[in-house]
C-alpha cells in the first residue's frame, strides 16, 4: 500500500483482474472469440489478455481488452507485471 492506505497501481490492477466481474468479462471474451487470437485469428488453447487502455481499469468494456496468442502478445509489447 502507498500513502494514506491507498493501493499502488500494481496492487489495484491485481485486485481488478482477480475480481468476479473481470473474470466473467474475460470468460465472455474467450467464448465470443472461439479461443481465437483477435489479431491473427488462429485458434489457441492459451490466450493472453491485453489491455488496450487502462483508462477504465475496473470498469472495462470488451473494447478495452484484446485476447492474443503468445506470439501476437509479445509483438504487442506485452508485459508481465
C-alpha atoms as a PDB file:
ATOM      1  CA  UNK A   1       0.000   0.000   0.000  1.00  0.00           C
ATOM      2  CA  UNK A   2       1.077   3.527  -0.704  1.00  0.00           C
ATOM      3  CA  UNK A   3       0.371   6.719   1.158  1.00  0.00           C
ATOM      4  CA  UNK A   4      -2.709   7.059   3.339  1.00  0.00           C
ATOM      5  CA  UNK A   5      -3.814   3.450   2.804  1.00  0.00           C
ATOM      6  CA  UNK A   6      -4.184   3.838  -0.971  1.00  0.00           C
ATOM      7  CA  UNK A   7      -3.371   0.836  -3.129  1.00  0.00           C
ATOM      8  CA  UNK A   8      -0.478   1.140  -5.534  1.00  0.00           C
ATOM      9  CA  UNK A   9      -1.370   0.949  -9.219  1.00  0.00           C
ATOM     10  CA  UNK A  10       0.000  -2.590  -9.436  1.00  0.00           C
ATOM     11  CA  UNK A  11      -1.981  -3.730  -6.374  1.00  0.00           C
ATOM     12  CA  UNK A  12      -5.147  -2.145  -7.766  1.00  0.00           C
ATOM     13  CA  UNK A  13      -4.538  -3.905 -11.099  1.00  0.00           C
ATOM     14  CA  UNK A  14      -4.182  -7.260  -9.324  1.00  0.00           C
ATOM     15  CA  UNK A  15      -7.434  -6.677  -7.402  1.00  0.00           C
ATOM     16  CA  UNK A  16      -9.286  -5.784 -10.602  1.00  0.00           C
ATOM     17  CA  UNK A  17      -8.087  -8.729 -12.711  1.00  0.00           C
ATOM     18  CA  UNK A  18      -8.937 -11.216  -9.979  1.00  0.00           C
ATOM     19  CA  UNK A  19     -12.437  -9.814  -9.372  1.00  0.00           C
ATOM     20  CA  UNK A  20     -15.526 -11.867 -10.232  1.00  0.00           C
ATOM     21  CA  UNK A  21     -16.791  -9.233 -12.664  1.00  0.00           C
ATOM     22  CA  UNK A  22     -13.490  -9.097 -14.553  1.00  0.00           C
ATOM     23  CA  UNK A  23     -13.219 -12.885 -14.724  1.00  0.00           C
ATOM     24  CA  UNK A  24     -16.785 -13.024 -16.044  1.00  0.00           C
ATOM     25  CA  UNK A  25     -15.903 -10.457 -18.744  1.00  0.00           C
ATOM     26  CA  UNK A  26     -12.800 -12.470 -19.628  1.00  0.00           C
ATOM     27  CA  UNK A  27     -14.899 -15.634 -19.954  1.00  0.00           C
ATOM     28  CA  UNK A  28     -17.305 -13.817 -22.274  1.00  0.00           C
ATOM     29  CA  UNK A  29     -14.396 -12.627 -24.431  1.00  0.00           C
ATOM     30  CA  UNK A  30     -12.919 -16.118 -24.689  1.00  0.00           C
ATOM     31  CA  UNK A  31     -16.316 -17.587 -25.560  1.00  0.00           C
ATOM     32  CA  UNK A  32     -17.136 -14.942 -28.172  1.00  0.00           C
ATOM     33  CA  UNK A  33     -13.686 -15.243 -29.772  1.00  0.00           C
ATOM     34  CA  UNK A  34     -13.976 -19.023 -30.055  1.00  0.00           C
ATOM     35  CA  UNK A  35     -10.495 -19.287 -28.477  1.00  0.00           C
ATOM     36  CA  UNK A  36      -9.035 -17.340 -31.388  1.00  0.00           C
ATOM     37  CA  UNK A  37      -6.383 -14.681 -31.241  1.00  0.00           C
ATOM     38  CA  UNK A  38      -8.009 -11.352 -32.066  1.00  0.00           C
ATOM     39  CA  UNK A  39      -5.056 -10.344 -34.261  1.00  0.00           C
ATOM     40  CA  UNK A  40      -4.042 -13.417 -36.263  1.00  0.00           C
ATOM     41  CA  UNK A  41      -7.350 -15.312 -35.846  1.00  0.00           C
ATOM     42  CA  UNK A  42      -5.585 -18.590 -35.072  1.00  0.00           C
ATOM     43  CA  UNK A  43      -7.332 -20.830 -32.549  1.00  0.00           C
ATOM     44  CA  UNK A  44      -5.196 -21.371 -29.453  1.00  0.00           C
ATOM     45  CA  UNK A  45      -5.711 -23.205 -26.199  1.00  0.00           C
ATOM     46  CA  UNK A  46      -3.875 -20.419 -24.366  1.00  0.00           C
ATOM     47  CA  UNK A  47      -4.577 -16.753 -24.948  1.00  0.00           C
ATOM     48  CA  UNK A  48      -3.229 -13.712 -23.118  1.00  0.00           C
ATOM     49  CA  UNK A  49      -5.279 -10.721 -22.194  1.00  0.00           C
ATOM     50  CA  UNK A  50      -4.013  -7.297 -23.187  1.00  0.00           C
ATOM     51  CA  UNK A  51      -5.475  -4.017 -22.025  1.00  0.00           C
ATOM     52  CA  UNK A  52      -5.678  -1.545 -24.894  1.00  0.00           C
ATOM     53  CA  UNK A  53      -6.225   1.201 -22.347  1.00  0.00           C
ATOM     54  CA  UNK A  54      -6.123   1.412 -18.573  1.00  0.00           C
ATOM     55  CA  UNK A  55      -8.365   4.463 -18.582  1.00  0.00           C
ATOM     56  CA  UNK A  56     -11.350   2.461 -17.285  1.00  0.00           C
ATOM     57  CA  UNK A  57      -9.454  -0.020 -15.108  1.00  0.00           C
ATOM     58  CA  UNK A  58     -12.095  -1.811 -13.079  1.00  0.00           C
ATOM     59  CA  UNK A  59     -14.869  -0.702 -15.457  1.00  0.00           C
ATOM     60  CA  UNK A  60     -13.550  -2.241 -18.692  1.00  0.00           C
ATOM     61  CA  UNK A  61     -15.695  -2.921 -21.690  1.00  0.00           C
ATOM     62  CA  UNK A  62     -14.786  -5.565 -24.271  1.00  0.00           C
ATOM     63  CA  UNK A  63     -13.420  -2.751 -26.454  1.00  0.00           C
ATOM     64  CA  UNK A  64     -10.750  -2.033 -23.808  1.00  0.00           C
ATOM     65  CA  UNK A  65      -9.339  -5.571 -23.999  1.00  0.00           C
ATOM     66  CA  UNK A  66      -7.762  -7.867 -26.555  1.00  0.00           C
ATOM     67  CA  UNK A  67      -7.168 -11.627 -26.456  1.00  0.00           C
ATOM     68  CA  UNK A  68      -3.879 -12.552 -28.084  1.00  0.00           C
ATOM     69  CA  UNK A  69      -1.846 -15.676 -28.736  1.00  0.00           C
ATOM     70  CA  UNK A  70       1.628 -15.674 -27.215  1.00  0.00           C
ATOM     71  CA  UNK A  71       3.293 -14.555 -30.447  1.00  0.00           C
ATOM     72  CA  UNK A  72       0.947 -11.602 -31.033  1.00  0.00           C
ATOM     73  CA  UNK A  73       1.091 -10.662 -27.344  1.00  0.00           C
ATOM     74  CA  UNK A  74       4.887 -10.484 -27.462  1.00  0.00           C
ATOM     75  CA  UNK A  75       4.765  -8.428 -30.683  1.00  0.00           C
ATOM     76  CA  UNK A  76       2.331  -6.030 -28.988  1.00  0.00           C
ATOM     77  CA  UNK A  77       4.920  -5.258 -26.313  1.00  0.00           C
ATOM     78  CA  UNK A  78       3.029  -7.214 -23.664  1.00  0.00           C
ATOM     79  CA  UNK A  79       4.394  -7.019 -20.178  1.00  0.00           C
ATOM     80  CA  UNK A  80       4.134  -9.229 -17.152  1.00  0.00           C
ATOM     81  CA  UNK A  81       3.585  -7.231 -14.001  1.00  0.00           C
END
